[in-house]
């Protein structure tokens, strides 16, 4: 059995999800969103993300972590800031000795919705089908579930 922590990092909303994967079975455990104060300094927001992921790791004891690879968008500053949020989450998992795997957005969408260019609504619908007990309250939470599910269907030894 693998207990997977999926993370959708962001400076304002970091979605997270815990699922269990045994063979072909997937089971929803819990999920949520870490919300650093929007007006806080960058270092304070990163500390909230680090502390939140650390607490999730202590509480739910994941055996593996998965997150999306940062894509470079039109605004390099936004990309850099997103990279900081990813780093805070990744270091938190690493500090707990949890191996972290990274996936491209198209790979996650293809693993969940069978289409690498699926939109967020398609991915969210498939998450509900694959994990009927999950009731994500935001796109960040749904994306974290999709990341965890995609990882559960991938053999990280092949990466």
N, C-alpha and C. Protein backbone atom coordinates (compact mmCIF):
# COMPACT_ATOMS: atom_id res chain seq x y z
N UNK A 1 0.83 -1.18 0.00
CA UNK A 1 0.00 0.00 0.00
C UNK A 1 0.88 1.25 0.00
N UNK A 2 0.51 2.20 -0.84
CA UNK A 2 1.17 3.49 -0.86
C UNK A 2 0.18 4.53 -0.34
N UNK A 3 0.67 5.44 0.47
CA UNK A 3 -0.13 6.59 0.90
C UNK A 3 0.51 7.79 0.22
N UNK A 4 -0.24 8.40 -0.69
CA UNK A 4 0.31 9.43 -1.57
C UNK A 4 -0.21 10.81 -1.18
N UNK A 5 0.72 11.75 -1.06
CA UNK A 5 0.40 13.15 -0.85
C UNK A 5 0.53 13.85 -2.20
N UNK A 6 -0.58 14.35 -2.72
CA UNK A 6 -0.56 15.15 -3.94
C UNK A 6 -0.58 16.62 -3.55
N UNK A 7 0.26 17.43 -4.20
CA UNK A 7 0.35 18.85 -3.88
C UNK A 7 0.22 19.68 -5.15
N UNK A 8 -0.67 20.66 -5.10
CA UNK A 8 -0.81 21.66 -6.15
C UNK A 8 -0.37 22.99 -5.54
N UNK A 9 0.93 23.33 -5.67
CA UNK A 9 1.45 24.48 -4.94
C UNK A 9 1.04 25.82 -5.52
N UNK A 10 0.91 26.80 -4.64
CA UNK A 10 0.64 28.18 -5.02
C UNK A 10 0.86 29.08 -3.82
N UNK A 11 1.22 30.33 -4.07
CA UNK A 11 1.48 31.25 -2.97
C UNK A 11 0.23 31.67 -2.22
N UNK A 12 -0.91 31.65 -2.90
CA UNK A 12 -2.17 32.03 -2.26
C UNK A 12 -3.00 30.82 -1.85
N UNK A 13 -2.91 29.74 -2.63
CA UNK A 13 -3.68 28.52 -2.38
C UNK A 13 -2.81 27.32 -2.73
N UNK A 14 -2.45 26.53 -1.76
CA UNK A 14 -1.73 25.28 -2.02
C UNK A 14 -2.67 24.13 -1.72
N UNK A 15 -3.15 23.49 -2.80
CA UNK A 15 -4.03 22.34 -2.63
C UNK A 15 -3.23 21.11 -2.25
N UNK A 16 -3.83 20.26 -1.43
CA UNK A 16 -3.17 19.02 -1.03
C UNK A 16 -4.22 17.92 -0.90
N UNK A 17 -3.76 16.69 -1.07
CA UNK A 17 -4.66 15.54 -0.98
C UNK A 17 -3.88 14.31 -0.56
N UNK A 18 -4.53 13.46 0.21
CA UNK A 18 -3.96 12.17 0.60
C UNK A 18 -4.89 11.08 0.07
N UNK A 19 -4.29 10.15 -0.69
CA UNK A 19 -5.02 8.97 -1.13
C UNK A 19 -4.19 7.74 -0.79
N UNK A 20 -4.85 6.60 -0.74
CA UNK A 20 -4.15 5.32 -0.59
C UNK A 20 -4.29 4.55 -1.89
N UNK A 21 -3.24 3.86 -2.26
CA UNK A 21 -3.20 3.09 -3.50
C UNK A 21 -2.68 1.69 -3.19
N UNK A 22 -3.53 0.70 -3.47
CA UNK A 22 -3.15 -0.70 -3.29
C UNK A 22 -3.55 -1.43 -4.56
N UNK A 23 -2.56 -1.90 -5.31
CA UNK A 23 -2.87 -2.56 -6.58
C UNK A 23 -3.63 -1.61 -7.48
N UNK A 24 -4.81 -2.03 -7.92
CA UNK A 24 -5.63 -1.16 -8.77
C UNK A 24 -6.67 -0.37 -7.97
N UNK A 25 -6.64 -0.50 -6.66
CA UNK A 25 -7.62 0.20 -5.81
C UNK A 25 -7.07 1.56 -5.36
N UNK A 26 -7.93 2.58 -5.39
CA UNK A 26 -7.60 3.92 -4.91
C UNK A 26 -8.63 4.31 -3.87
N UNK A 27 -8.17 4.90 -2.77
CA UNK A 27 -9.09 5.30 -1.71
C UNK A 27 -8.77 6.72 -1.26
N UNK A 28 -9.80 7.54 -1.24
CA UNK A 28 -9.67 8.92 -0.76
C UNK A 28 -9.51 8.90 0.76
N UNK A 29 -8.55 9.67 1.27
CA UNK A 29 -8.36 9.79 2.71
C UNK A 29 -8.80 11.18 3.17
N UNK A 30 -8.16 12.23 2.65
CA UNK A 30 -8.51 13.59 3.04
C UNK A 30 -7.87 14.58 2.06
N UNK A 31 -8.30 15.81 2.11
CA UNK A 31 -7.72 16.84 1.25
C UNK A 31 -8.09 18.22 1.79
N UNK A 32 -7.42 19.22 1.28
CA UNK A 32 -7.69 20.59 1.71
C UNK A 32 -6.83 21.59 0.98
N UNK A 33 -6.83 22.81 1.50
CA UNK A 33 -6.06 23.90 0.90
C UNK A 33 -5.36 24.67 2.01
N UNK A 34 -4.09 24.93 1.81
CA UNK A 34 -3.32 25.80 2.71
C UNK A 34 -3.45 27.20 2.13
N UNK A 35 -3.87 28.16 2.96
CA UNK A 35 -4.09 29.53 2.49
C UNK A 35 -3.22 30.52 3.26
N UNK A 36 -2.03 30.79 2.76
CA UNK A 36 -1.20 31.80 3.42
C UNK A 36 -1.87 33.18 3.29
N UNK A 37 -1.65 34.06 4.26
CA UNK A 37 -2.24 35.41 4.18
C UNK A 37 -1.73 36.13 2.93
N UNK A 38 -2.65 36.63 2.11
CA UNK A 38 -2.31 37.25 0.83
C UNK A 38 -1.41 38.47 0.99
N UNK A 39 -1.58 39.20 2.05
CA UNK A 39 -0.80 40.43 2.23
C UNK A 39 0.49 40.21 3.03
N UNK A 40 0.75 38.99 3.42
CA UNK A 40 1.96 38.69 4.19
C UNK A 40 3.18 38.76 3.27
N UNK A 41 4.33 38.96 3.86
CA UNK A 41 5.58 38.95 3.12
C UNK A 41 5.80 37.57 2.49
N UNK A 42 6.56 37.56 1.41
CA UNK A 42 6.82 36.30 0.72
C UNK A 42 7.38 35.25 1.67
N UNK A 43 8.33 35.62 2.50
CA UNK A 43 8.94 34.65 3.42
C UNK A 43 7.90 34.08 4.39
N UNK A 44 6.96 34.89 4.83
CA UNK A 44 5.91 34.42 5.74
C UNK A 44 4.97 33.46 5.03
N UNK A 45 4.62 33.76 3.78
CA UNK A 45 3.74 32.85 3.03
C UNK A 45 4.43 31.51 2.78
N UNK A 46 5.71 31.55 2.45
CA UNK A 46 6.46 30.30 2.24
C UNK A 46 6.55 29.49 3.53
N UNK A 47 6.70 30.17 4.65
CA UNK A 47 6.75 29.48 5.95
C UNK A 47 5.42 28.80 6.25
N UNK A 48 4.29 29.45 5.89
CA UNK A 48 2.97 28.85 6.10
C UNK A 48 2.84 27.58 5.26
N UNK A 49 3.31 27.63 4.01
CA UNK A 49 3.25 26.44 3.14
C UNK A 49 4.12 25.33 3.72
N UNK A 50 5.35 25.66 4.09
CA UNK A 50 6.26 24.67 4.67
C UNK A 50 5.64 24.04 5.92
N UNK A 51 5.16 24.88 6.84
CA UNK A 51 4.58 24.37 8.08
C UNK A 51 3.33 23.53 7.81
N UNK A 52 2.50 23.97 6.85
CA UNK A 52 1.28 23.22 6.53
C UNK A 52 1.58 21.84 5.99
N UNK A 53 2.51 21.77 5.03
CA UNK A 53 2.87 20.46 4.46
C UNK A 53 3.54 19.60 5.52
N UNK A 54 4.38 20.20 6.36
CA UNK A 54 5.02 19.43 7.44
C UNK A 54 3.98 18.83 8.37
N UNK A 55 2.97 19.62 8.73
CA UNK A 55 1.91 19.13 9.62
C UNK A 55 1.11 18.01 8.95
N UNK A 56 0.81 18.18 7.67
CA UNK A 56 0.08 17.14 6.93
C UNK A 56 0.89 15.84 6.92
N UNK A 57 2.19 15.95 6.70
CA UNK A 57 3.06 14.76 6.70
C UNK A 57 3.07 14.09 8.08
N UNK A 58 3.14 14.90 9.13
CA UNK A 58 3.13 14.33 10.49
C UNK A 58 1.80 13.66 10.81
N UNK A 59 0.71 14.26 10.37
CA UNK A 59 -0.63 13.75 10.68
C UNK A 59 -1.00 12.52 9.86
N UNK A 60 -0.72 12.55 8.55
CA UNK A 60 -1.23 11.51 7.65
C UNK A 60 -0.18 10.52 7.17
N UNK A 61 1.09 10.73 7.51
CA UNK A 61 2.19 9.80 7.21
C UNK A 61 2.21 9.29 5.76
N UNK A 62 2.27 10.19 4.77
CA UNK A 62 2.37 9.70 3.39
C UNK A 62 3.70 9.00 3.17
N UNK A 63 3.69 8.03 2.26
CA UNK A 63 4.92 7.32 1.92
C UNK A 63 5.57 7.89 0.67
N UNK A 64 4.79 8.65 -0.11
CA UNK A 64 5.28 9.27 -1.34
C UNK A 64 4.56 10.59 -1.54
N UNK A 65 5.21 11.48 -2.28
CA UNK A 65 4.65 12.79 -2.58
C UNK A 65 4.74 13.03 -4.08
N UNK A 66 3.73 13.69 -4.63
CA UNK A 66 3.75 14.02 -6.06
C UNK A 66 3.29 15.46 -6.24
N UNK A 67 3.93 16.15 -7.18
CA UNK A 67 3.51 17.51 -7.50
C UNK A 67 3.76 17.79 -8.97
N UNK A 68 3.11 18.83 -9.44
CA UNK A 68 3.22 19.23 -10.83
C UNK A 68 4.53 19.98 -11.05
N UNK A 69 5.15 19.75 -12.21
CA UNK A 69 6.34 20.50 -12.60
C UNK A 69 5.91 21.91 -12.97
N UNK A 70 6.68 22.88 -12.55
CA UNK A 70 6.37 24.27 -12.88
C UNK A 70 6.56 24.48 -14.37
N UNK A 71 5.58 25.11 -14.99
CA UNK A 71 5.70 25.47 -16.39
C UNK A 71 6.06 26.95 -16.46
N UNK A 72 6.78 27.33 -17.48
CA UNK A 72 7.15 28.73 -17.65
C UNK A 72 6.02 29.42 -18.40
N UNK A 73 5.43 30.43 -17.76
CA UNK A 73 4.35 31.15 -18.43
C UNK A 73 4.86 32.48 -18.95
N UNK A 74 3.96 33.32 -19.42
CA UNK A 74 4.34 34.59 -20.04
C UNK A 74 4.97 35.56 -19.06
N UNK A 75 4.68 35.40 -17.77
CA UNK A 75 5.21 36.31 -16.77
C UNK A 75 6.30 35.59 -15.96
N UNK A 76 7.58 35.90 -16.22
CA UNK A 76 8.65 35.19 -15.52
C UNK A 76 8.61 35.39 -14.01
N UNK A 77 8.13 36.54 -13.55
CA UNK A 77 8.05 36.77 -12.11
C UNK A 77 7.06 35.81 -11.47
N UNK A 78 5.91 35.60 -12.11
CA UNK A 78 4.92 34.65 -11.60
C UNK A 78 5.49 33.23 -11.56
N UNK A 79 6.22 32.87 -12.60
CA UNK A 79 6.83 31.54 -12.65
C UNK A 79 7.82 31.36 -11.50
N UNK A 80 8.63 32.38 -11.27
CA UNK A 80 9.61 32.32 -10.19
C UNK A 80 8.93 32.20 -8.83
N UNK A 81 7.87 32.98 -8.61
CA UNK A 81 7.15 32.94 -7.34
C UNK A 81 6.50 31.57 -7.13
N UNK A 82 5.92 31.00 -8.19
CA UNK A 82 5.35 29.66 -8.09
C UNK A 82 6.44 28.65 -7.74
N UNK A 83 7.63 28.84 -8.30
CA UNK A 83 8.75 27.97 -7.98
C UNK A 83 9.11 28.02 -6.50
N UNK A 84 8.99 29.21 -5.90
CA UNK A 84 9.25 29.33 -4.46
C UNK A 84 8.23 28.51 -3.67
N UNK A 85 6.96 28.59 -4.05
CA UNK A 85 5.92 27.83 -3.35
C UNK A 85 6.17 26.33 -3.49
N UNK A 86 6.53 25.90 -4.70
CA UNK A 86 6.85 24.49 -4.93
C UNK A 86 8.02 24.05 -4.05
N UNK A 87 9.04 24.91 -3.98
CA UNK A 87 10.22 24.57 -3.19
C UNK A 87 9.87 24.42 -1.71
N UNK A 88 9.03 25.33 -1.19
CA UNK A 88 8.64 25.24 0.22
C UNK A 88 7.94 23.91 0.50
N UNK A 89 7.03 23.51 -0.40
CA UNK A 89 6.32 22.24 -0.23
C UNK A 89 7.27 21.05 -0.38
N UNK A 90 8.15 21.13 -1.37
CA UNK A 90 9.07 20.02 -1.63
C UNK A 90 10.06 19.84 -0.48
N UNK A 91 10.56 20.93 0.05
CA UNK A 91 11.50 20.85 1.17
C UNK A 91 10.80 20.29 2.41
N UNK A 92 9.54 20.67 2.61
CA UNK A 92 8.79 20.13 3.76
C UNK A 92 8.69 18.61 3.66
N UNK A 93 8.34 18.10 2.47
CA UNK A 93 8.24 16.65 2.29
C UNK A 93 9.63 16.01 2.41
N UNK A 94 10.63 16.63 1.82
CA UNK A 94 11.99 16.10 1.90
C UNK A 94 12.52 16.07 3.32
N UNK A 95 12.15 17.09 4.09
CA UNK A 95 12.58 17.16 5.49
C UNK A 95 12.00 15.98 6.30
N UNK A 96 10.86 15.45 5.83
CA UNK A 96 10.23 14.29 6.48
C UNK A 96 10.65 12.97 5.81
N UNK A 97 11.66 13.05 4.93
CA UNK A 97 12.18 11.88 4.21
C UNK A 97 11.15 11.20 3.33
N UNK A 98 10.26 11.98 2.74
CA UNK A 98 9.24 11.44 1.84
C UNK A 98 9.70 11.71 0.41
N UNK A 99 9.90 10.66 -0.39
CA UNK A 99 10.33 10.88 -1.76
C UNK A 99 9.26 11.65 -2.55
N UNK A 100 9.73 12.61 -3.36
CA UNK A 100 8.82 13.45 -4.12
C UNK A 100 9.06 13.24 -5.61
N UNK A 101 7.97 13.08 -6.35
CA UNK A 101 8.00 12.85 -7.79
C UNK A 101 7.29 14.01 -8.46
N UNK A 102 7.79 14.40 -9.64
CA UNK A 102 7.23 15.54 -10.36
C UNK A 102 6.67 15.08 -11.70
N UNK A 103 5.55 15.69 -12.09
CA UNK A 103 4.88 15.33 -13.33
C UNK A 103 4.48 16.57 -14.12
N UNK A 104 4.59 16.47 -15.44
CA UNK A 104 4.16 17.55 -16.31
C UNK A 104 2.63 17.63 -16.29
N UNK A 105 2.08 18.84 -16.42
CA UNK A 105 0.62 19.00 -16.41
C UNK A 105 -0.09 18.13 -17.45
N UNK A 106 0.47 18.03 -18.66
CA UNK A 106 -0.19 17.22 -19.68
C UNK A 106 -0.21 15.74 -19.31
N UNK A 107 0.84 15.26 -18.63
CA UNK A 107 0.87 13.86 -18.21
C UNK A 107 -0.21 13.59 -17.16
N UNK A 108 -0.39 14.54 -16.24
CA UNK A 108 -1.41 14.39 -15.20
C UNK A 108 -2.80 14.34 -15.84
N UNK A 109 -3.06 15.27 -16.75
CA UNK A 109 -4.36 15.31 -17.42
C UNK A 109 -4.61 14.05 -18.23
N UNK A 110 -3.57 13.57 -18.91
CA UNK A 110 -3.71 12.35 -19.70
C UNK A 110 -3.98 11.14 -18.81
N UNK A 111 -3.31 11.08 -17.65
CA UNK A 111 -3.50 9.96 -16.73
C UNK A 111 -4.90 9.95 -16.13
N UNK A 112 -5.51 11.12 -15.97
CA UNK A 112 -6.82 11.23 -15.32
C UNK A 112 -7.95 11.25 -16.34
N UNK A 113 -7.82 12.09 -17.37
CA UNK A 113 -8.92 12.31 -18.31
C UNK A 113 -8.65 11.73 -19.70
N UNK A 114 -7.54 11.02 -19.85
CA UNK A 114 -7.16 10.39 -21.13
C UNK A 114 -6.94 11.41 -22.25
N UNK A 115 -6.71 12.68 -21.86
CA UNK A 115 -6.43 13.72 -22.85
C UNK A 115 -5.48 14.73 -22.21
N UNK A 116 -4.33 14.91 -22.83
CA UNK A 116 -3.31 15.78 -22.27
C UNK A 116 -3.69 17.25 -22.24
N UNK A 117 -4.74 17.61 -22.98
CA UNK A 117 -5.18 19.01 -22.99
C UNK A 117 -6.58 19.16 -22.40
N UNK A 118 -6.94 18.26 -21.51
CA UNK A 118 -8.25 18.33 -20.85
C UNK A 118 -8.32 19.61 -20.02
N UNK A 119 -9.53 20.19 -19.92
CA UNK A 119 -9.66 21.39 -19.10
C UNK A 119 -9.90 21.00 -17.64
N UNK A 120 -9.87 22.00 -16.77
CA UNK A 120 -10.01 21.74 -15.32
C UNK A 120 -11.32 21.05 -14.98
N UNK A 121 -12.40 21.39 -15.69
CA UNK A 121 -13.70 20.77 -15.41
C UNK A 121 -13.68 19.29 -15.75
N UNK A 122 -13.06 18.91 -16.86
CA UNK A 122 -12.96 17.49 -17.22
C UNK A 122 -12.16 16.73 -16.17
N UNK A 123 -11.05 17.31 -15.74
CA UNK A 123 -10.22 16.67 -14.73
C UNK A 123 -11.00 16.52 -13.42
N UNK A 124 -11.71 17.57 -13.02
CA UNK A 124 -12.49 17.53 -11.78
C UNK A 124 -13.58 16.45 -11.85
N UNK A 125 -14.24 16.32 -13.00
CA UNK A 125 -15.28 15.29 -13.16
C UNK A 125 -14.68 13.89 -13.03
N UNK A 126 -13.50 13.69 -13.63
CA UNK A 126 -12.86 12.38 -13.55
C UNK A 126 -12.38 12.07 -12.14
N UNK A 127 -11.93 13.08 -11.42
CA UNK A 127 -11.53 12.88 -10.02
C UNK A 127 -12.72 12.37 -9.23
N UNK A 128 -13.90 12.96 -9.44
CA UNK A 128 -15.12 12.52 -8.73
C UNK A 128 -15.51 11.09 -9.11
N UNK A 129 -15.28 10.70 -10.35
CA UNK A 129 -15.60 9.35 -10.78
C UNK A 129 -14.61 8.35 -10.15
N UNK A 130 -13.34 8.71 -10.17
CA UNK A 130 -12.30 7.81 -9.66
C UNK A 130 -12.26 7.74 -8.14
N UNK A 131 -12.66 8.85 -7.48
CA UNK A 131 -12.67 8.91 -6.01
C UNK A 131 -14.02 9.46 -5.56
N UNK A 132 -15.08 8.64 -5.59
CA UNK A 132 -16.42 9.13 -5.28
C UNK A 132 -16.55 9.72 -3.87
N UNK A 133 -15.70 9.30 -2.94
CA UNK A 133 -15.80 9.82 -1.57
C UNK A 133 -15.22 11.23 -1.44
N UNK A 134 -14.45 11.65 -2.44
CA UNK A 134 -13.84 12.99 -2.40
C UNK A 134 -14.89 14.04 -2.76
N UNK A 135 -14.82 15.17 -2.06
CA UNK A 135 -15.70 16.30 -2.36
C UNK A 135 -14.87 17.59 -2.33
N UNK A 136 -13.98 17.74 -3.32
CA UNK A 136 -13.11 18.92 -3.32
C UNK A 136 -13.92 20.21 -3.39
N UNK A 137 -13.51 21.19 -2.59
CA UNK A 137 -14.23 22.46 -2.52
C UNK A 137 -13.60 23.53 -3.40
N UNK A 138 -12.49 23.20 -4.06
CA UNK A 138 -11.83 24.18 -4.91
C UNK A 138 -11.05 23.46 -6.01
N UNK A 139 -10.68 24.22 -7.04
CA UNK A 139 -9.87 23.67 -8.12
C UNK A 139 -8.50 23.24 -7.61
N UNK A 140 -7.96 23.95 -6.62
CA UNK A 140 -6.65 23.59 -6.07
C UNK A 140 -6.69 22.22 -5.41
N UNK A 141 -7.76 21.96 -4.67
CA UNK A 141 -7.94 20.67 -4.00
C UNK A 141 -8.15 19.56 -5.04
N UNK A 142 -8.98 19.83 -6.04
CA UNK A 142 -9.23 18.86 -7.11
C UNK A 142 -7.95 18.55 -7.87
N UNK A 143 -7.16 19.59 -8.15
CA UNK A 143 -5.89 19.37 -8.86
C UNK A 143 -4.93 18.52 -8.02
N UNK A 144 -4.90 18.75 -6.72
CA UNK A 144 -4.04 17.93 -5.84
C UNK A 144 -4.47 16.46 -5.87
N UNK A 145 -5.77 16.23 -5.88
CA UNK A 145 -6.28 14.86 -6.00
C UNK A 145 -5.88 14.24 -7.33
N UNK A 146 -5.98 15.03 -8.41
CA UNK A 146 -5.60 14.53 -9.74
C UNK A 146 -4.11 14.18 -9.77
N UNK A 147 -3.28 15.00 -9.15
CA UNK A 147 -1.83 14.74 -9.10
C UNK A 147 -1.56 13.45 -8.34
N UNK A 148 -2.22 13.26 -7.21
CA UNK A 148 -2.04 12.02 -6.43
C UNK A 148 -2.50 10.81 -7.23
N UNK A 149 -3.65 10.93 -7.90
CA UNK A 149 -4.15 9.82 -8.71
C UNK A 149 -3.20 9.50 -9.86
N UNK A 150 -2.71 10.54 -10.53
CA UNK A 150 -1.79 10.31 -11.65
C UNK A 150 -0.54 9.57 -11.16
N UNK A 151 -0.04 9.98 -10.01
CA UNK A 151 1.13 9.30 -9.46
C UNK A 151 0.81 7.84 -9.12
N UNK A 152 -0.38 7.60 -8.61
CA UNK A 152 -0.74 6.22 -8.23
C UNK A 152 -0.79 5.30 -9.43
N UNK A 153 -0.98 5.88 -10.63
CA UNK A 153 -1.06 5.09 -11.86
C UNK A 153 0.27 5.04 -12.60
N UNK A 154 1.31 5.59 -12.00
CA UNK A 154 2.62 5.68 -12.67
C UNK A 154 3.64 4.93 -11.84
N UNK A 155 4.54 4.25 -12.53
CA UNK A 155 5.62 3.58 -11.83
C UNK A 155 6.81 4.54 -11.76
N UNK A 156 7.04 5.17 -10.59
CA UNK A 156 8.13 6.15 -10.51
C UNK A 156 9.50 5.53 -10.77
N UNK A 157 9.64 4.23 -10.72
CA UNK A 157 10.91 3.59 -10.98
C UNK A 157 11.28 3.72 -12.47
N UNK A 158 10.27 3.99 -13.31
CA UNK A 158 10.51 4.14 -14.75
C UNK A 158 10.90 5.56 -15.11
N UNK A 159 10.79 6.48 -14.19
CA UNK A 159 11.11 7.89 -14.48
C UNK A 159 12.59 8.14 -14.41
